[in-house]
Amino acid sequence: MSNIYTISSRDGITFGVFHKSPRYEDIIQLIDETADNHPSSKRLWDLRNIEFDIAASELMKISDYSKAKFNMKIKLALLTFDDLSFGEMRQYGAFREEKDQFEIFVFRVEKEAIDWLNE
């Protein structure tokens, strides 16, 4: 069990909530735990309570790892509170998106993220 994040599922959505700023290894662990224990194709990662600052090279590695780990169509909503995190998550989205396999969008309001996931 991690003290960096928690994972839960409700209403067909897997929620990953970060409580502390993650390192590269923490995000890989979250991806592994999600793949192994939470098979939902709708995911919401909540980064609003932390400062998210991962190097672009690590974001690209995380993207590649995630592509190899998940082989179904996925929608991922990312919640952020600040401009830096918002920009980094948009960059991650650009690395991660694949036509017809993965949709990603960055939000600042949870209800908007959940509405988008349920479209």
N, C-alpha and C. Protein backbone atom coordinates (compact mmCIF):
# COMPACT_ATOMS: atom_id res chain seq x y z
N MET A 1 0.84 -1.18 0.00
CA MET A 1 0.00 0.00 0.00
C MET A 1 0.88 1.24 0.00
N SER A 2 0.53 2.18 -0.82
CA SER A 2 1.33 3.38 -0.98
C SER A 2 0.81 4.51 -0.09
N ASN A 3 1.73 5.33 0.40
CA ASN A 3 1.31 6.55 1.11
C ASN A 3 1.34 7.75 0.16
N ILE A 4 1.70 7.50 -1.09
CA ILE A 4 1.77 8.55 -2.11
C ILE A 4 0.40 8.74 -2.76
N TYR A 5 -0.34 7.66 -2.93
CA TYR A 5 -1.64 7.72 -3.61
C TYR A 5 -2.58 6.67 -3.02
N THR A 6 -3.86 6.83 -3.34
CA THR A 6 -4.85 5.79 -3.06
C THR A 6 -5.61 5.52 -4.35
N ILE A 7 -6.08 4.30 -4.48
CA ILE A 7 -6.88 3.90 -5.64
C ILE A 7 -8.20 3.36 -5.12
N SER A 8 -9.26 3.77 -5.76
CA SER A 8 -10.58 3.24 -5.44
C SER A 8 -11.41 3.22 -6.72
N SER A 9 -12.50 2.48 -6.67
CA SER A 9 -13.41 2.42 -7.82
C SER A 9 -14.81 2.73 -7.35
N ARG A 10 -15.52 3.53 -8.15
CA ARG A 10 -16.94 3.77 -7.89
C ARG A 10 -17.62 4.18 -9.18
N ASP A 11 -18.81 3.66 -9.34
CA ASP A 11 -19.64 3.97 -10.50
C ASP A 11 -18.91 3.73 -11.83
N GLY A 12 -18.11 2.67 -11.88
CA GLY A 12 -17.41 2.31 -13.12
C GLY A 12 -16.18 3.14 -13.43
N ILE A 13 -15.74 3.95 -12.49
CA ILE A 13 -14.55 4.79 -12.69
C ILE A 13 -13.50 4.42 -11.64
N THR A 14 -12.27 4.27 -12.07
CA THR A 14 -11.16 4.07 -11.15
C THR A 14 -10.55 5.42 -10.83
N PHE A 15 -10.49 5.74 -9.54
CA PHE A 15 -9.93 7.00 -9.06
C PHE A 15 -8.54 6.76 -8.47
N GLY A 16 -7.56 7.48 -8.95
CA GLY A 16 -6.23 7.49 -8.36
C GLY A 16 -5.99 8.89 -7.80
N VAL A 17 -5.87 8.99 -6.48
CA VAL A 17 -5.71 10.29 -5.83
C VAL A 17 -4.31 10.37 -5.24
N PHE A 18 -3.55 11.36 -5.68
CA PHE A 18 -2.20 11.55 -5.15
C PHE A 18 -2.26 12.43 -3.90
N HIS A 19 -1.58 11.96 -2.84
CA HIS A 19 -1.53 12.69 -1.57
C HIS A 19 -0.19 13.38 -1.36
N LYS A 20 0.81 12.91 -2.07
CA LYS A 20 2.15 13.50 -2.04
C LYS A 20 2.68 13.53 -3.47
N SER A 21 3.62 14.40 -3.72
CA SER A 21 4.19 14.48 -5.07
C SER A 21 4.87 13.17 -5.42
N PRO A 22 4.47 12.56 -6.55
CA PRO A 22 5.03 11.26 -6.91
C PRO A 22 6.37 11.40 -7.62
N ARG A 23 7.14 10.34 -7.50
CA ARG A 23 8.34 10.16 -8.32
C ARG A 23 7.95 9.25 -9.48
N TYR A 24 8.84 9.11 -10.41
CA TYR A 24 8.62 8.23 -11.56
C TYR A 24 8.18 6.84 -11.09
N GLU A 25 8.88 6.27 -10.11
CA GLU A 25 8.59 4.93 -9.63
C GLU A 25 7.19 4.82 -9.04
N ASP A 26 6.73 5.87 -8.38
CA ASP A 26 5.38 5.86 -7.79
C ASP A 26 4.31 5.78 -8.88
N ILE A 27 4.53 6.49 -9.97
CA ILE A 27 3.55 6.48 -11.06
C ILE A 27 3.54 5.11 -11.74
N ILE A 28 4.70 4.50 -11.91
CA ILE A 28 4.76 3.15 -12.47
C ILE A 28 4.01 2.18 -11.56
N GLN A 29 4.19 2.33 -10.25
CA GLN A 29 3.47 1.48 -9.29
C GLN A 29 1.96 1.68 -9.40
N LEU A 30 1.52 2.92 -9.56
CA LEU A 30 0.09 3.20 -9.73
C LEU A 30 -0.44 2.54 -11.01
N ILE A 31 0.31 2.63 -12.08
CA ILE A 31 -0.10 2.00 -13.34
C ILE A 31 -0.22 0.49 -13.15
N ASP A 32 0.78 -0.13 -12.51
CA ASP A 32 0.75 -1.57 -12.27
C ASP A 32 -0.45 -1.97 -11.42
N GLU A 33 -0.67 -1.24 -10.33
CA GLU A 33 -1.78 -1.56 -9.44
C GLU A 33 -3.12 -1.39 -10.14
N THR A 34 -3.24 -0.35 -10.95
CA THR A 34 -4.47 -0.13 -11.70
C THR A 34 -4.70 -1.27 -12.69
N ALA A 35 -3.68 -1.64 -13.42
CA ALA A 35 -3.81 -2.71 -14.41
C ALA A 35 -4.16 -4.04 -13.75
N ASP A 36 -3.59 -4.31 -12.59
CA ASP A 36 -3.80 -5.60 -11.93
C ASP A 36 -5.12 -5.69 -11.17
N ASN A 37 -5.59 -4.57 -10.62
CA ASN A 37 -6.70 -4.64 -9.68
C ASN A 37 -7.93 -3.79 -10.04
N HIS A 38 -7.82 -2.95 -11.04
CA HIS A 38 -8.92 -2.04 -11.38
C HIS A 38 -9.07 -1.98 -12.90
N PRO A 39 -9.78 -2.96 -13.46
CA PRO A 39 -9.83 -3.08 -14.93
C PRO A 39 -10.73 -2.09 -15.66
N SER A 40 -11.31 -1.13 -14.97
CA SER A 40 -12.20 -0.17 -15.62
C SER A 40 -11.48 0.57 -16.74
N SER A 41 -12.22 0.87 -17.79
CA SER A 41 -11.64 1.63 -18.90
C SER A 41 -11.77 3.14 -18.68
N LYS A 42 -12.43 3.54 -17.59
CA LYS A 42 -12.57 4.96 -17.24
C LYS A 42 -11.72 5.24 -16.00
N ARG A 43 -10.81 6.21 -16.13
CA ARG A 43 -9.90 6.49 -15.03
C ARG A 43 -9.80 7.98 -14.78
N LEU A 44 -9.67 8.32 -13.52
CA LEU A 44 -9.50 9.71 -13.12
C LEU A 44 -8.32 9.77 -12.16
N TRP A 45 -7.30 10.53 -12.53
CA TRP A 45 -6.15 10.76 -11.64
C TRP A 45 -6.27 12.16 -11.09
N ASP A 46 -6.29 12.27 -9.79
CA ASP A 46 -6.47 13.55 -9.10
C ASP A 46 -5.13 14.05 -8.58
N LEU A 47 -4.65 15.13 -9.19
CA LEU A 47 -3.36 15.72 -8.85
C LEU A 47 -3.52 17.07 -8.17
N ARG A 48 -4.74 17.38 -7.72
CA ARG A 48 -5.01 18.73 -7.20
C ARG A 48 -4.34 19.04 -5.87
N ASN A 49 -3.99 18.03 -5.09
CA ASN A 49 -3.44 18.28 -3.76
C ASN A 49 -1.92 18.23 -3.71
N ILE A 50 -1.29 18.17 -4.86
CA ILE A 50 0.17 18.03 -4.89
C ILE A 50 0.77 18.99 -5.91
N GLU A 51 2.08 19.10 -5.84
CA GLU A 51 2.83 19.76 -6.91
C GLU A 51 3.37 18.65 -7.78
N PHE A 52 2.97 18.64 -9.03
CA PHE A 52 3.40 17.61 -9.96
C PHE A 52 4.52 18.17 -10.81
N ASP A 53 5.69 17.56 -10.72
CA ASP A 53 6.83 18.05 -11.49
C ASP A 53 7.70 16.87 -11.89
N ILE A 54 7.37 16.30 -13.03
CA ILE A 54 8.11 15.18 -13.59
C ILE A 54 8.75 15.65 -14.90
N ALA A 55 10.00 15.29 -15.11
CA ALA A 55 10.72 15.68 -16.32
C ALA A 55 10.03 15.12 -17.56
N ALA A 56 10.12 15.85 -18.66
CA ALA A 56 9.49 15.41 -19.92
C ALA A 56 10.00 14.03 -20.34
N SER A 57 11.28 13.75 -20.14
CA SER A 57 11.81 12.44 -20.51
C SER A 57 11.16 11.32 -19.69
N GLU A 58 10.84 11.60 -18.41
CA GLU A 58 10.17 10.61 -17.59
C GLU A 58 8.69 10.48 -17.98
N LEU A 59 8.07 11.59 -18.35
CA LEU A 59 6.69 11.52 -18.83
C LEU A 59 6.60 10.64 -20.07
N MET A 60 7.59 10.74 -20.95
CA MET A 60 7.61 9.91 -22.15
C MET A 60 7.78 8.43 -21.77
N LYS A 61 8.64 8.14 -20.80
CA LYS A 61 8.82 6.76 -20.35
C LYS A 61 7.54 6.22 -19.71
N ILE A 62 6.87 7.05 -18.92
CA ILE A 62 5.61 6.66 -18.30
C ILE A 62 4.57 6.36 -19.38
N SER A 63 4.53 7.20 -20.39
CA SER A 63 3.61 7.00 -21.50
C SER A 63 3.88 5.67 -22.20
N ASP A 64 5.14 5.40 -22.51
CA ASP A 64 5.50 4.14 -23.17
C ASP A 64 5.15 2.94 -22.31
N TYR A 65 5.41 3.04 -21.01
CA TYR A 65 5.09 1.95 -20.09
C TYR A 65 3.59 1.70 -20.06
N SER A 66 2.83 2.77 -19.98
CA SER A 66 1.37 2.67 -19.93
C SER A 66 0.82 2.05 -21.22
N LYS A 67 1.37 2.44 -22.36
CA LYS A 67 0.94 1.86 -23.64
C LYS A 67 1.15 0.35 -23.65
N ALA A 68 2.26 -0.09 -23.10
CA ALA A 68 2.56 -1.53 -23.08
C ALA A 68 1.69 -2.27 -22.07
N LYS A 69 1.27 -1.61 -21.03
CA LYS A 69 0.54 -2.24 -19.93
C LYS A 69 -0.95 -2.41 -20.23
N PHE A 70 -1.54 -1.45 -20.93
CA PHE A 70 -2.98 -1.47 -21.18
C PHE A 70 -3.24 -1.70 -22.67
N ASN A 71 -4.04 -2.71 -22.97
CA ASN A 71 -4.31 -3.00 -24.37
C ASN A 71 -5.80 -2.87 -24.71
N MET A 72 -6.54 -2.08 -23.92
CA MET A 72 -7.95 -1.83 -24.22
C MET A 72 -8.15 -0.33 -24.36
N LYS A 73 -9.29 0.04 -24.92
CA LYS A 73 -9.61 1.46 -25.06
C LYS A 73 -9.81 2.06 -23.67
N ILE A 74 -9.17 3.19 -23.42
CA ILE A 74 -9.18 3.83 -22.10
C ILE A 74 -9.48 5.31 -22.24
N LYS A 75 -10.24 5.82 -21.28
CA LYS A 75 -10.43 7.26 -21.13
C LYS A 75 -9.80 7.64 -19.80
N LEU A 76 -8.92 8.64 -19.83
CA LEU A 76 -8.25 9.11 -18.62
C LEU A 76 -8.49 10.60 -18.45
N ALA A 77 -9.10 10.95 -17.31
CA ALA A 77 -9.28 12.35 -16.95
C ALA A 77 -8.24 12.69 -15.90
N LEU A 78 -7.55 13.79 -16.08
CA LEU A 78 -6.54 14.25 -15.14
C LEU A 78 -7.00 15.55 -14.51
N LEU A 79 -7.02 15.60 -13.19
CA LEU A 79 -7.42 16.80 -12.47
C LEU A 79 -6.19 17.51 -11.94
N THR A 80 -6.06 18.80 -12.23
CA THR A 80 -4.93 19.58 -11.73
C THR A 80 -5.44 20.90 -11.17
N PHE A 81 -4.59 21.56 -10.41
CA PHE A 81 -5.00 22.85 -9.85
C PHE A 81 -4.13 24.00 -10.32
N ASP A 82 -2.94 23.72 -10.79
CA ASP A 82 -2.04 24.81 -11.16
C ASP A 82 -1.62 24.71 -12.62
N ASP A 83 -1.08 25.80 -13.14
CA ASP A 83 -0.72 25.87 -14.55
C ASP A 83 0.40 24.91 -14.92
N LEU A 84 1.41 24.74 -14.04
CA LEU A 84 2.52 23.84 -14.33
C LEU A 84 2.01 22.41 -14.49
N SER A 85 1.23 21.94 -13.52
CA SER A 85 0.69 20.58 -13.60
C SER A 85 -0.21 20.42 -14.82
N PHE A 86 -1.02 21.42 -15.09
CA PHE A 86 -1.91 21.38 -16.25
C PHE A 86 -1.09 21.20 -17.53
N GLY A 87 -0.03 21.98 -17.68
CA GLY A 87 0.82 21.88 -18.86
C GLY A 87 1.53 20.54 -18.96
N GLU A 88 2.03 20.04 -17.83
CA GLU A 88 2.71 18.74 -17.85
C GLU A 88 1.75 17.62 -18.22
N MET A 89 0.52 17.71 -17.72
CA MET A 89 -0.46 16.67 -18.04
C MET A 89 -0.90 16.75 -19.50
N ARG A 90 -0.96 17.93 -20.06
CA ARG A 90 -1.24 18.06 -21.50
C ARG A 90 -0.10 17.44 -22.30
N GLN A 91 1.13 17.64 -21.84
CA GLN A 91 2.28 17.04 -22.51
C GLN A 91 2.19 15.52 -22.43
N TYR A 92 1.85 14.99 -21.25
CA TYR A 92 1.69 13.54 -21.09
C TYR A 92 0.61 13.04 -22.06
N GLY A 93 -0.49 13.79 -22.15
CA GLY A 93 -1.56 13.40 -23.06
C GLY A 93 -1.08 13.32 -24.50
N ALA A 94 -0.24 14.25 -24.90
CA ALA A 94 0.30 14.23 -26.26
C ALA A 94 1.17 12.99 -26.49
N PHE A 95 1.94 12.60 -25.47
CA PHE A 95 2.77 11.40 -25.59
C PHE A 95 1.92 10.14 -25.62
N ARG A 96 0.82 10.15 -24.87
CA ARG A 96 0.06 8.93 -24.62
C ARG A 96 -1.04 8.64 -25.63
N GLU A 97 -1.63 9.66 -26.22
CA GLU A 97 -2.80 9.42 -27.07
C GLU A 97 -2.47 8.55 -28.26
N GLU A 98 -3.38 7.64 -28.51
CA GLU A 98 -3.32 6.79 -29.69
C GLU A 98 -4.70 6.79 -30.32
N LYS A 99 -4.74 6.88 -31.61
CA LYS A 99 -6.03 6.92 -32.30
C LYS A 99 -6.86 5.68 -31.93
N ASP A 100 -8.08 5.93 -31.49
CA ASP A 100 -9.05 4.90 -31.17
C ASP A 100 -8.64 3.99 -30.00
N GLN A 101 -7.60 4.28 -29.27
CA GLN A 101 -7.19 3.45 -28.15
C GLN A 101 -7.19 4.18 -26.83
N PHE A 102 -6.93 5.46 -26.84
CA PHE A 102 -6.73 6.17 -25.59
C PHE A 102 -7.19 7.60 -25.74
N GLU A 103 -8.06 8.03 -24.86
CA GLU A 103 -8.48 9.42 -24.82
C GLU A 103 -8.03 10.00 -23.49
N ILE A 104 -7.51 11.19 -23.54
CA ILE A 104 -7.05 11.85 -22.32
C ILE A 104 -7.44 13.32 -22.38
N PHE A 105 -7.85 13.84 -21.23
CA PHE A 105 -8.19 15.24 -21.16
C PHE A 105 -7.85 15.74 -19.77
N VAL A 106 -7.43 16.99 -19.68
CA VAL A 106 -7.04 17.59 -18.41
C VAL A 106 -8.15 18.54 -17.96
N PHE A 107 -8.49 18.43 -16.69
CA PHE A 107 -9.58 19.23 -16.10
C PHE A 107 -9.10 19.91 -14.82
N ARG A 108 -9.87 20.89 -14.41
CA ARG A 108 -9.66 21.54 -13.12
C ARG A 108 -10.84 21.32 -12.18
N VAL A 109 -11.97 20.81 -12.72
CA VAL A 109 -13.19 20.60 -11.94
C VAL A 109 -13.57 19.12 -12.04
N GLU A 110 -13.73 18.47 -10.87
CA GLU A 110 -14.01 17.03 -10.85
C GLU A 110 -15.31 16.67 -11.56
N LYS A 111 -16.37 17.41 -11.35
CA LYS A 111 -17.64 17.09 -11.99
C LYS A 111 -17.51 17.08 -13.51
N GLU A 112 -16.79 18.05 -14.06
CA GLU A 112 -16.58 18.08 -15.52
C GLU A 112 -15.82 16.84 -15.98
N ALA A 113 -14.83 16.42 -15.20
CA ALA A 113 -14.05 15.24 -15.55
C ALA A 113 -14.93 14.00 -15.54
N ILE A 114 -15.75 13.85 -14.51
CA ILE A 114 -16.62 12.68 -14.40
C ILE A 114 -17.68 12.68 -15.52
N ASP A 115 -18.23 13.85 -15.81
CA ASP A 115 -19.20 13.95 -16.93
C ASP A 115 -18.55 13.51 -18.24
N TRP A 116 -17.33 13.96 -18.49
CA TRP A 116 -16.62 13.59 -19.72
C TRP A 116 -16.36 12.08 -19.76
N LEU A 117 -15.95 11.50 -18.63
CA LEU A 117 -15.70 10.06 -18.61
C LEU A 117 -16.96 9.26 -18.91
N ASN A 118 -18.10 9.78 -18.49
CA ASN A 118 -19.36 9.05 -18.67
C ASN A 118 -20.06 9.35 -20.00
N GLU A 119 -19.49 10.18 -20.84
CA GLU A 119 -20.10 10.45 -22.16
C GLU A 119 -20.14 9.21 -23.01
